[in-house]
């Protein structure tokens, strides 16, 4: 059996490649060749070409046949068209931006994405709503259209924010560096209370490999995938810090002004919750996390420390992603406002259950006049 992995040099790539080899596949990788991962076996074939254009794809796949193709990278619509007649089985990786409300919460009522968001939730209907999300939807529709036409058996996965070894633009490092620098306070948008679906790389690859094992059950399906446990941005920050024997004071700043940590929200979106409903993948494919979330975060921190990223390295391409100067200004405003609010006279009222709790029989009302 022959398999082609398009991409394969991102965080899920080595797990997919090695998982396919363990299943008896002869694996080839197609990617641009800009970097390689030691975790991928050296003996597999590498096809170095840009997977975004037919004019680069067609010459290298013409005349070849693969029993399975997993496309994790490139222009997936172009890849899906190019693979007609090349493979009977196609698995593609996308994401949740096609859901209405992810980019523009006010497009839904109540605002934001449904909680949790199932695969059949309403999707973006035009480029005017969100151009990137519209492109993702068009890609999903194209793949499912080719499946319906009988060109191949297709399955698509909507990856969440993926973390783990080899993650591009490690957001964990932006928390870890603050801990290394002994920053006691950290600004988080709206207190970091947003609950976001994230996915550890090994777990996400496991989800995809389940569809390799169950091609009939997953035929023509689009699946949400994520770690089974959702976590708030604040909890995520706290767990990373604990792995480094550090503790932050969370300072909640309105989302519109928490500029230095809005990266912690998926694709710089809103503080509305983004929780993927996993019922379908659990029911169809029997998905369960192979690595529990807290262990996954520990492994991610450990790996990142060993590889010693820096602000200008491959983990973050932004100019001064930490921006302590701006964050210190925000914290000064926060601390001043917090000190003023603490001086306001207020006595917290006692809270009691609304139902009566009489202390003896026969009373019309209990001791709290209920």
Foldseek 3Di string as FASTA:
>chain_A
DEEEEEPLAALQNLLLQVLVVVVPYQYEYEEQPPDHDPSHDPPHHYHHFAQADCVTPQVVQPPAAGQEYEYEDYLLLRVLVSCQVRYQEYEYEAADLQAPQFFPQVVDVVGHAPVAHEPPHDGDDDVVRPVVSVSRVVSLVSNLVCLVVNSHFYEYEHAFAEAAPRHFQHPLVLLVVCLVVVPAAAEDAQQQQAWEFYAYSNLVSVLVVLCVVVVPLRGSYYAYDGAPDIDTRQVLSQLSSVLVVGGHDYQYDHLVQSPLNCVSRPPSHDSHHHHHDHVSSCVRRVRHGPAHPSRSSNNRSVNCVVVDDDCVDRNHPDDPSRPVVSRVVVVVVRVVVVVVVVPDDDDDDDDDDPDADAPDPDDPGHPVRD
